[in-house]
Amino acid sequence: MHGEELKRRVRVYGDAGFQLAVHAIGDGAARDVVDAFSDYLAPGNDRRFRMEHSQIVHPADQERMAAYGIYAPVQPIHATSDMPWAETMLGPERIRYAYAWTDLIQRGVAVSLGSDFPVEDGCPLAGMHAACTRQDHRGQPLGGWYPEQRLRPEDALLGYTQWAARAGFDDARFGRLEPGFAADITVLDRSPLDVPIGDLAGLQAQGVVVAGAGMSD
């Protein structure tokens, strides 16, 4: 679906009060979605319409996403899964704005992180490793694939917590360890902010608390 039909459906469901979420992987699909959302939304709105994956987004469309408050839920492990073939398929120009999470954040786009489970590994630590190293589980390629797009561990952690909650309008009850928020906690053996980024995928859960109650295996 694209063009006028996509715009029509955005109007129908937007007027009905829905928070829209549309999948877009290629840059053509991303442009269609940004066109449709920006045709309907006012700049600076807080409707939090989402373009799921936001995988290959031209810089001009990244700017429009920021202007119209279009959210980018991305899956970091897609980059490390796709890197063996992505540049061959996309070409040397398009690859520069593919899986470009740092560019999205720097342009003011609201990014959140996820796994795309069951397509990919559902463990957030595997996703954090991919986000921060741009390497596969074997540590390849050395230095990371397009390492300028690596996320800081602080941003990767926010992406799976506060930013993810915000993308779903759940930021008043999830995503923070504060009074009044849901007591959903994973206790790790080490802090993801204190270990070398190459060790992120190897962190171990020592305990889990859900709604204030301790859980066991």
Protein backbone atom coordinates (compact mmCIF):
# COMPACT_ATOMS: atom_id res chain seq x y z
CA MET A 1 0.00 0.00 0.00
CA HIS A 2 1.31 3.46 -0.83
CA GLY A 3 0.44 6.85 -2.25
CA GLU A 4 -3.11 8.16 -1.96
CA GLU A 5 -4.50 4.94 -0.51
CA LEU A 6 -1.98 5.07 2.34
CA LYS A 7 -2.80 8.73 2.95
CA ARG A 8 -6.52 7.93 3.00
CA ARG A 9 -6.08 5.20 5.58
CA VAL A 10 -3.86 7.39 7.73
CA ARG A 11 -6.64 9.99 7.77
CA VAL A 12 -9.34 7.43 8.59
CA TYR A 13 -7.47 5.76 11.44
CA GLY A 14 -5.89 8.97 12.66
CA ASP A 15 -9.29 10.66 12.89
CA ALA A 16 -10.53 7.62 14.86
CA GLY A 17 -7.88 8.32 17.48
CA PHE A 18 -5.48 5.48 16.79
CA GLN A 19 -1.74 5.70 17.25
CA LEU A 20 -0.59 4.52 13.83
CA ALA A 21 2.32 2.12 13.32
CA VAL A 22 3.37 1.31 9.74
CA HIS A 23 6.22 -1.01 8.73
CA ALA A 24 8.79 0.47 6.34
CA ILE A 25 12.15 -1.07 5.49
CA GLY A 26 13.24 0.28 2.09
CA ASP A 27 13.81 3.99 1.47
CA GLY A 28 10.90 4.14 -1.00
CA ALA A 29 8.52 2.67 1.55
CA ALA A 30 9.90 5.00 4.21
CA ARG A 31 9.28 8.01 1.99
CA ASP A 32 5.70 6.88 1.36
CA VAL A 33 5.08 6.59 5.09
CA VAL A 34 6.69 9.93 5.91
CA ASP A 35 4.68 11.54 3.09
CA ALA A 36 1.43 10.11 4.46
CA PHE A 37 2.15 10.95 8.09
CA SER A 38 3.38 14.47 7.35
CA ASP A 39 0.33 15.09 5.16
CA TYR A 40 -1.89 14.34 8.16
CA LEU A 41 0.08 15.50 11.19
CA ALA A 42 0.93 18.99 12.33
CA PRO A 43 4.58 19.77 13.06
CA GLY A 44 5.48 19.30 16.71
CA ASN A 45 2.48 17.07 17.48
CA ASP A 46 2.47 14.37 20.19
CA ARG A 47 0.50 11.65 18.37
CA ARG A 48 3.63 9.44 18.34
CA PHE A 49 2.91 7.80 14.99
CA ARG A 50 5.54 5.15 14.41
CA MET A 51 7.43 3.97 11.34
CA GLU A 52 8.38 0.44 12.38
CA HIS A 53 11.92 -0.63 11.42
CA SER A 54 12.90 2.74 9.84
CA GLN A 55 15.68 0.71 8.31
CA ILE A 56 16.69 2.71 5.21
CA VAL A 57 15.63 6.34 5.53
CA HIS A 58 17.00 9.12 3.32
CA PRO A 59 18.46 12.02 5.33
CA ALA A 60 15.77 14.39 4.02
CA ASP A 61 13.11 12.02 5.33
CA GLN A 62 14.92 11.71 8.65
CA GLU A 63 14.60 15.48 8.97
CA ARG A 64 10.88 15.29 8.25
CA MET A 65 10.46 12.52 10.82
CA ALA A 66 11.93 14.81 13.45
CA ALA A 67 9.78 17.76 12.38
CA TYR A 68 6.53 15.79 12.48
CA GLY A 69 7.26 13.74 15.59
CA ILE A 70 7.40 10.42 13.72
CA TYR A 71 8.91 7.73 15.93
CA ALA A 72 11.50 5.19 14.76
CA PRO A 73 11.30 1.82 16.54
CA VAL A 74 14.41 0.02 15.27
CA GLN A 75 15.90 -3.43 15.82
CA PRO A 76 19.70 -3.21 16.15
CA ILE A 77 20.32 -6.88 15.50
CA HIS A 78 18.91 -6.45 11.97
CA ALA A 79 22.07 -4.59 11.03
CA THR A 80 24.38 -7.38 12.11
CA SER A 81 22.14 -10.02 10.54
CA ASP A 82 21.94 -8.15 7.23
CA MET A 83 25.52 -6.88 6.94
CA PRO A 84 26.84 -9.86 4.89
CA TRP A 85 24.63 -8.88 1.95
CA ALA A 86 23.21 -5.40 2.64
CA GLU A 87 25.82 -3.28 0.87
CA THR A 88 25.79 -5.49 -2.22
CA MET A 89 22.01 -5.21 -2.46
CA LEU A 90 21.67 -1.54 -1.51
CA GLY A 91 24.72 -0.02 -3.19
CA PRO A 92 27.37 2.38 -1.88
CA GLU A 93 25.11 5.44 -1.60
CA ARG A 94 22.02 3.95 -0.03
CA ILE A 95 24.00 1.96 2.54
CA ARG A 96 25.21 5.24 4.06
CA TYR A 97 21.74 5.95 5.42
CA ALA A 98 20.76 2.37 6.23
CA TYR A 99 20.58 1.22 9.87
CA ALA A 100 21.59 4.80 10.67
CA TRP A 101 20.53 5.00 14.30
CA THR A 102 23.01 7.66 15.37
CA ASP A 103 21.99 9.89 12.47
CA LEU A 104 18.32 9.51 13.42
CA ILE A 105 19.01 10.48 17.04
CA GLN A 106 21.25 13.40 16.08
CA ARG A 107 18.55 14.74 13.76
CA GLY A 108 16.05 14.69 16.63
CA VAL A 109 14.05 11.57 15.72
CA ALA A 110 12.58 9.70 18.70
CA VAL A 111 14.21 6.27 18.48
CA SER A 112 13.28 3.16 20.48
CA LEU A 113 14.87 -0.28 20.39
CA GLY A 114 13.39 -3.76 20.08
CA SER A 115 14.18 -7.26 18.87
CA ASP A 116 11.67 -8.22 16.14
CA PHE A 117 11.36 -11.59 17.92
CA PRO A 118 10.82 -14.33 16.75
CA VAL A 119 12.58 -13.23 13.55
CA GLU A 120 15.67 -12.31 15.60
CA ASP A 121 17.09 -13.09 19.03
CA GLY A 122 14.65 -11.68 21.58
CA CYS A 123 17.27 -10.97 24.26
CA PRO A 124 17.73 -7.21 24.82
CA LEU A 125 21.38 -7.79 25.71
CA ALA A 126 22.03 -9.25 22.26
CA GLY A 127 20.37 -6.16 20.81
CA MET A 128 22.45 -3.84 22.98
CA HIS A 129 25.59 -5.63 21.82
CA ALA A 130 24.60 -5.15 18.18
CA ALA A 131 23.67 -1.50 18.79
CA CYS A 132 26.91 -0.60 20.55
CA THR A 133 29.43 -2.69 18.60
CA ARG A 134 27.87 -3.14 15.14
CA GLN A 135 29.41 -6.63 15.33
CA ASP A 136 27.98 -10.13 15.23
CA HIS A 137 28.23 -12.56 18.16
CA ARG A 138 31.74 -13.56 17.02
CA GLY A 139 32.99 -9.97 17.26
CA GLN A 140 33.10 -9.45 13.49
CA PRO A 141 33.91 -7.26 11.70
CA LEU A 142 36.72 -5.82 13.77
CA GLY A 143 35.88 -2.27 14.72
CA GLY A 144 32.24 -2.71 13.74
CA TRP A 145 30.22 -2.35 10.55
CA TYR A 146 29.81 1.36 9.75
CA PRO A 147 30.92 2.07 13.31
CA GLU A 148 29.96 5.75 13.11
CA GLN A 149 26.38 4.55 13.63
CA ARG A 150 27.14 2.73 16.90
CA LEU A 151 25.07 3.79 19.88
CA ARG A 152 26.50 4.69 23.25
CA PRO A 153 25.59 2.12 25.94
CA GLU A 154 23.63 4.84 27.73
CA ASP A 155 21.47 5.42 24.65
CA ALA A 156 21.04 1.70 24.00
CA LEU A 157 19.80 1.22 27.57
CA LEU A 158 17.41 4.14 27.21
CA GLY A 159 16.24 2.70 23.90
CA TYR A 160 15.08 -0.50 25.56
CA THR A 161 13.56 1.24 28.60
CA GLN A 162 12.45 4.88 28.70
CA TRP A 163 12.37 5.43 24.96
CA ALA A 164 10.50 2.19 24.30
CA ALA A 165 7.91 3.09 26.93
CA ARG A 166 7.49 6.54 25.42
CA ALA A 167 6.93 5.08 21.95
CA GLY A 168 3.89 3.20 23.28
CA PHE A 169 2.48 6.02 25.46
CA ASP A 170 3.52 3.99 28.52
CA ASP A 171 6.12 6.44 29.79
CA ALA A 172 4.06 7.37 32.87
CA ARG A 173 4.29 3.83 34.29
CA PHE A 174 7.11 1.90 32.61
CA GLY A 175 10.75 2.47 31.72
CA ARG A 176 12.08 4.05 34.94
CA LEU A 177 12.99 2.90 38.43
CA GLU A 178 11.03 5.57 40.28
CA PRO A 179 8.20 5.69 42.84
CA GLY A 180 4.86 5.21 41.11
CA PHE A 181 6.29 3.23 38.20
CA ALA A 182 5.82 -0.50 37.66
CA ALA A 183 8.41 -2.49 39.60
CA ASP A 184 9.62 -4.49 36.60
CA ILE A 185 13.33 -5.06 37.13
CA THR A 186 16.04 -7.31 35.73
CA VAL A 187 19.11 -7.62 37.95
CA LEU A 188 22.30 -8.32 35.98
CA ASP A 189 25.64 -9.59 37.21
CA ARG A 190 27.34 -6.41 35.96
CA SER A 191 26.18 -3.00 34.84
CA PRO A 192 25.85 -2.65 31.05
CA LEU A 193 27.23 0.86 31.48
CA ASP A 194 30.46 -0.35 33.10
CA VAL A 195 31.58 -3.31 30.97
CA PRO A 196 33.43 -3.25 27.63
CA ILE A 197 30.84 -3.09 24.86
CA GLY A 198 32.04 -6.41 23.49
CA ASP A 199 30.91 -8.06 26.73
CA LEU A 200 27.30 -6.82 26.63
CA ALA A 201 25.84 -9.99 25.14
CA GLY A 202 27.49 -12.07 27.87
CA LEU A 203 25.86 -10.36 30.84
CA GLN A 204 23.83 -12.74 32.99
CA ALA A 205 20.49 -12.16 34.69
CA GLN A 206 20.71 -12.75 38.45
CA GLY A 207 17.05 -12.14 39.15
CA VAL A 208 13.83 -10.76 37.73
CA VAL A 209 11.10 -8.76 39.46
CA VAL A 210 7.70 -8.38 37.76
CA ALA A 211 5.14 -6.00 39.28
CA GLY A 212 7.12 -6.07 42.51
CA ALA A 213 7.21 -9.86 42.82
CA GLY A 214 10.40 -11.87 42.49
CA MET A 215 10.42 -14.49 39.75
CA SER A 216 12.49 -17.67 39.49
CA ASP A 217 13.41 -20.01 36.66
